[in-house]
Amino acid sequence: MKSINLMYKIDKFVKEISIVRKINKINRLSIVVSDQSDIDKESLHKYLKQTNSNLIGEWTLIEVKKDKIPLESAIVTDIKCDYE
């Protein structure tokens, strides 16, 4: 099973930053997760599309890189978006 807790945290971040920064649409989201995580770009894209369909869709490029960081952590390295 994909790490639902970490995907939830990423989802929460996406929602919070979109409100604070008045983001309409996310075109690209690049993150780093643990090299032990089972999250991949397809599963994360599907999850975020379901929970943020107004922000993330087929137009959104999701990049997931793996590195030696804590298992339930993610680092957003890049976000490209359209603003209100």
N, C-alpha and C. Protein backbone atom coordinates (compact mmCIF):
# COMPACT_ATOMS: atom_id res chain seq x y z
N MET A 1 0.84 -1.19 0.00
CA MET A 1 0.00 0.00 0.00
C MET A 1 0.88 1.25 0.00
N LYS A 2 0.50 2.20 -0.80
CA LYS A 2 1.24 3.46 -0.86
C LYS A 2 1.10 4.18 0.47
N SER A 3 2.07 4.97 0.81
CA SER A 3 2.08 5.68 2.09
C SER A 3 0.99 6.75 2.12
N ILE A 4 -0.18 6.36 2.58
CA ILE A 4 -1.33 7.27 2.59
C ILE A 4 -1.10 8.45 3.53
N ASN A 5 -0.40 8.24 4.63
CA ASN A 5 -0.13 9.34 5.56
C ASN A 5 0.72 10.42 4.91
N LEU A 6 1.75 10.02 4.19
CA LEU A 6 2.61 11.00 3.53
C LEU A 6 1.87 11.68 2.38
N MET A 7 1.08 10.94 1.64
CA MET A 7 0.30 11.56 0.56
C MET A 7 -0.69 12.57 1.14
N TYR A 8 -1.27 12.24 2.28
CA TYR A 8 -2.18 13.18 2.95
C TYR A 8 -1.43 14.46 3.34
N LYS A 9 -0.21 14.32 3.86
CA LYS A 9 0.58 15.50 4.24
C LYS A 9 0.90 16.36 3.02
N ILE A 10 1.24 15.73 1.92
CA ILE A 10 1.53 16.47 0.69
C ILE A 10 0.26 17.17 0.20
N ASP A 11 -0.86 16.47 0.26
CA ASP A 11 -2.15 17.05 -0.12
C ASP A 11 -2.47 18.27 0.74
N LYS A 12 -2.25 18.15 2.03
CA LYS A 12 -2.51 19.27 2.95
C LYS A 12 -1.62 20.46 2.60
N PHE A 13 -0.36 20.21 2.29
CA PHE A 13 0.56 21.27 1.88
C PHE A 13 0.06 21.96 0.61
N VAL A 14 -0.34 21.18 -0.38
CA VAL A 14 -0.83 21.73 -1.65
C VAL A 14 -2.03 22.64 -1.40
N LYS A 15 -2.95 22.18 -0.58
CA LYS A 15 -4.15 22.99 -0.28
C LYS A 15 -3.77 24.28 0.45
N GLU A 16 -2.90 24.17 1.44
CA GLU A 16 -2.52 25.35 2.23
C GLU A 16 -1.77 26.38 1.39
N ILE A 17 -0.80 25.93 0.60
CA ILE A 17 -0.02 26.88 -0.20
C ILE A 17 -0.88 27.51 -1.29
N SER A 18 -1.84 26.77 -1.81
CA SER A 18 -2.69 27.34 -2.86
C SER A 18 -3.60 28.44 -2.30
N ILE A 19 -4.00 28.32 -1.05
CA ILE A 19 -4.81 29.37 -0.42
C ILE A 19 -3.94 30.58 -0.12
N VAL A 20 -2.81 30.35 0.53
CA VAL A 20 -1.92 31.44 0.93
C VAL A 20 -1.39 32.21 -0.28
N ARG A 21 -0.98 31.49 -1.31
CA ARG A 21 -0.37 32.12 -2.49
C ARG A 21 -1.38 32.42 -3.60
N LYS A 22 -2.65 32.10 -3.36
CA LYS A 22 -3.73 32.35 -4.34
C LYS A 22 -3.43 31.68 -5.68
N ILE A 23 -3.17 30.38 -5.60
CA ILE A 23 -2.83 29.59 -6.78
C ILE A 23 -4.11 29.04 -7.41
N ASN A 24 -4.23 29.18 -8.72
CA ASN A 24 -5.37 28.64 -9.47
C ASN A 24 -5.12 27.22 -9.95
N LYS A 25 -3.90 26.97 -10.42
CA LYS A 25 -3.59 25.71 -11.07
C LYS A 25 -2.11 25.40 -10.88
N ILE A 26 -1.82 24.15 -10.56
CA ILE A 26 -0.43 23.71 -10.43
C ILE A 26 -0.04 22.99 -11.71
N ASN A 27 1.00 23.51 -12.35
CA ASN A 27 1.48 22.93 -13.61
C ASN A 27 2.57 21.89 -13.40
N ARG A 28 3.40 22.10 -12.36
CA ARG A 28 4.46 21.15 -12.06
C ARG A 28 4.72 21.14 -10.56
N LEU A 29 4.89 19.94 -10.03
CA LEU A 29 5.21 19.76 -8.62
C LEU A 29 6.34 18.74 -8.53
N SER A 30 7.47 19.16 -7.99
CA SER A 30 8.62 18.26 -7.83
C SER A 30 8.87 18.07 -6.34
N ILE A 31 8.98 16.82 -5.93
CA ILE A 31 9.22 16.52 -4.52
C ILE A 31 10.28 15.43 -4.39
N VAL A 32 10.84 15.39 -3.19
CA VAL A 32 11.78 14.32 -2.81
C VAL A 32 11.13 13.56 -1.67
N VAL A 33 11.15 12.24 -1.77
CA VAL A 33 10.65 11.38 -0.69
C VAL A 33 11.77 10.41 -0.31
N SER A 34 11.55 9.67 0.74
CA SER A 34 12.53 8.70 1.21
C SER A 34 12.79 7.63 0.15
N ASP A 35 14.02 7.19 0.08
CA ASP A 35 14.34 6.09 -0.85
C ASP A 35 13.66 4.79 -0.43
N GLN A 36 13.07 4.76 0.77
CA GLN A 36 12.32 3.59 1.24
C GLN A 36 10.82 3.74 1.02
N SER A 37 10.39 4.89 0.53
CA SER A 37 8.96 5.14 0.32
C SER A 37 8.47 4.41 -0.93
N ASP A 38 7.21 3.99 -0.89
CA ASP A 38 6.62 3.34 -2.06
C ASP A 38 5.81 4.33 -2.91
N ILE A 39 5.88 5.61 -2.60
CA ILE A 39 5.21 6.63 -3.40
C ILE A 39 5.96 6.81 -4.71
N ASP A 40 5.21 6.84 -5.80
CA ASP A 40 5.79 7.15 -7.11
C ASP A 40 4.96 8.25 -7.76
N LYS A 41 5.41 8.74 -8.90
CA LYS A 41 4.73 9.88 -9.52
C LYS A 41 3.30 9.53 -9.94
N GLU A 42 3.07 8.31 -10.39
CA GLU A 42 1.72 7.92 -10.82
C GLU A 42 0.75 7.89 -9.65
N SER A 43 1.14 7.26 -8.55
CA SER A 43 0.23 7.16 -7.40
C SER A 43 -0.02 8.52 -6.77
N LEU A 44 1.01 9.35 -6.69
CA LEU A 44 0.84 10.68 -6.11
C LEU A 44 -0.03 11.55 -7.01
N HIS A 45 0.19 11.48 -8.31
CA HIS A 45 -0.62 12.26 -9.25
C HIS A 45 -2.09 11.87 -9.14
N LYS A 46 -2.36 10.58 -9.11
CA LYS A 46 -3.74 10.09 -9.00
C LYS A 46 -4.39 10.58 -7.71
N TYR A 47 -3.68 10.46 -6.61
CA TYR A 47 -4.21 10.88 -5.31
C TYR A 47 -4.49 12.38 -5.29
N LEU A 48 -3.54 13.18 -5.74
CA LEU A 48 -3.71 14.64 -5.72
C LEU A 48 -4.78 15.10 -6.70
N LYS A 49 -4.93 14.41 -7.82
CA LYS A 49 -6.00 14.75 -8.76
C LYS A 49 -7.37 14.52 -8.14
N GLN A 50 -7.50 13.46 -7.37
CA GLN A 50 -8.78 13.14 -6.73
C GLN A 50 -9.12 14.13 -5.63
N THR A 51 -8.12 14.60 -4.92
CA THR A 51 -8.38 15.48 -3.77
C THR A 51 -8.27 16.96 -4.09
N ASN A 52 -7.70 17.30 -5.24
CA ASN A 52 -7.50 18.70 -5.63
C ASN A 52 -7.77 18.88 -7.12
N SER A 53 -8.90 18.42 -7.60
CA SER A 53 -9.15 18.41 -9.05
C SER A 53 -9.15 19.80 -9.67
N ASN A 54 -9.40 20.83 -8.88
CA ASN A 54 -9.36 22.19 -9.43
C ASN A 54 -7.92 22.70 -9.57
N LEU A 55 -6.98 22.13 -8.82
CA LEU A 55 -5.58 22.57 -8.85
C LEU A 55 -4.69 21.66 -9.68
N ILE A 56 -4.98 20.37 -9.63
CA ILE A 56 -4.11 19.37 -10.25
C ILE A 56 -4.94 18.51 -11.19
N GLY A 57 -4.44 18.34 -12.41
CA GLY A 57 -5.16 17.55 -13.40
C GLY A 57 -4.20 16.91 -14.37
N GLU A 58 -4.72 16.55 -15.55
CA GLU A 58 -3.89 15.95 -16.58
C GLU A 58 -2.75 16.87 -17.01
N TRP A 59 -2.95 18.17 -16.86
CA TRP A 59 -1.94 19.18 -17.24
C TRP A 59 -0.76 19.23 -16.27
N THR A 60 -0.90 18.62 -15.10
CA THR A 60 0.12 18.72 -14.05
C THR A 60 1.19 17.65 -14.21
N LEU A 61 2.44 18.09 -14.19
CA LEU A 61 3.58 17.18 -14.20
C LEU A 61 4.03 16.98 -12.76
N ILE A 62 4.02 15.74 -12.32
CA ILE A 62 4.48 15.40 -10.97
C ILE A 62 5.83 14.69 -11.12
N GLU A 63 6.83 15.17 -10.38
CA GLU A 63 8.14 14.53 -10.36
C GLU A 63 8.43 14.08 -8.93
N VAL A 64 8.79 12.82 -8.79
CA VAL A 64 9.13 12.27 -7.47
C VAL A 64 10.54 11.71 -7.55
N LYS A 65 11.41 12.26 -6.73
CA LYS A 65 12.78 11.75 -6.62
C LYS A 65 12.93 11.13 -5.24
N LYS A 66 13.84 10.20 -5.14
CA LYS A 66 14.06 9.50 -3.87
C LYS A 66 15.46 9.80 -3.37
N ASP A 67 15.54 9.97 -2.04
CA ASP A 67 16.82 10.28 -1.40
C ASP A 67 16.77 9.75 0.03
N LYS A 68 17.88 9.88 0.70
CA LYS A 68 17.97 9.40 2.08
C LYS A 68 17.43 10.47 3.03
N ILE A 69 16.10 10.48 3.19
CA ILE A 69 15.43 11.36 4.15
C ILE A 69 14.48 10.49 4.96
N PRO A 70 13.97 10.99 6.09
CA PRO A 70 13.05 10.18 6.90
C PRO A 70 11.85 9.69 6.08
N LEU A 71 11.39 8.50 6.41
CA LEU A 71 10.35 7.81 5.65
C LEU A 71 9.07 8.63 5.46
N GLU A 72 8.58 9.27 6.48
CA GLU A 72 7.32 10.02 6.38
C GLU A 72 7.56 11.50 6.11
N SER A 73 8.61 11.81 5.37
CA SER A 73 8.93 13.20 5.03
C SER A 73 8.92 13.38 3.52
N ALA A 74 8.65 14.62 3.12
CA ALA A 74 8.74 14.99 1.71
C ALA A 74 9.28 16.41 1.65
N ILE A 75 10.08 16.67 0.64
CA ILE A 75 10.63 18.01 0.42
C ILE A 75 10.14 18.48 -0.95
N VAL A 76 9.43 19.59 -0.96
CA VAL A 76 8.99 20.17 -2.22
C VAL A 76 10.17 20.97 -2.76
N THR A 77 10.67 20.57 -3.92
CA THR A 77 11.84 21.24 -4.49
C THR A 77 11.47 22.24 -5.58
N ASP A 78 10.27 22.09 -6.15
CA ASP A 78 9.85 23.02 -7.20
C ASP A 78 8.34 22.96 -7.35
N ILE A 79 7.75 24.12 -7.58
CA ILE A 79 6.32 24.19 -7.86
C ILE A 79 6.11 25.31 -8.87
N LYS A 80 5.51 24.96 -9.99
CA LYS A 80 5.17 25.93 -11.03
C LYS A 80 3.65 26.00 -11.09
N CYS A 81 3.13 27.22 -11.10
CA CYS A 81 1.68 27.35 -11.02
C CYS A 81 1.17 28.61 -11.70
N ASP A 82 -0.15 28.66 -11.86
CA ASP A 82 -0.85 29.85 -12.33
C ASP A 82 -1.53 30.47 -11.12
N TYR A 83 -1.48 31.79 -11.04
CA TYR A 83 -2.07 32.50 -9.92
C TYR A 83 -3.40 33.13 -10.32
N GLU A 84 -4.19 33.48 -9.31
CA GLU A 84 -5.47 34.16 -9.53
C GLU A 84 -5.27 35.49 -10.19
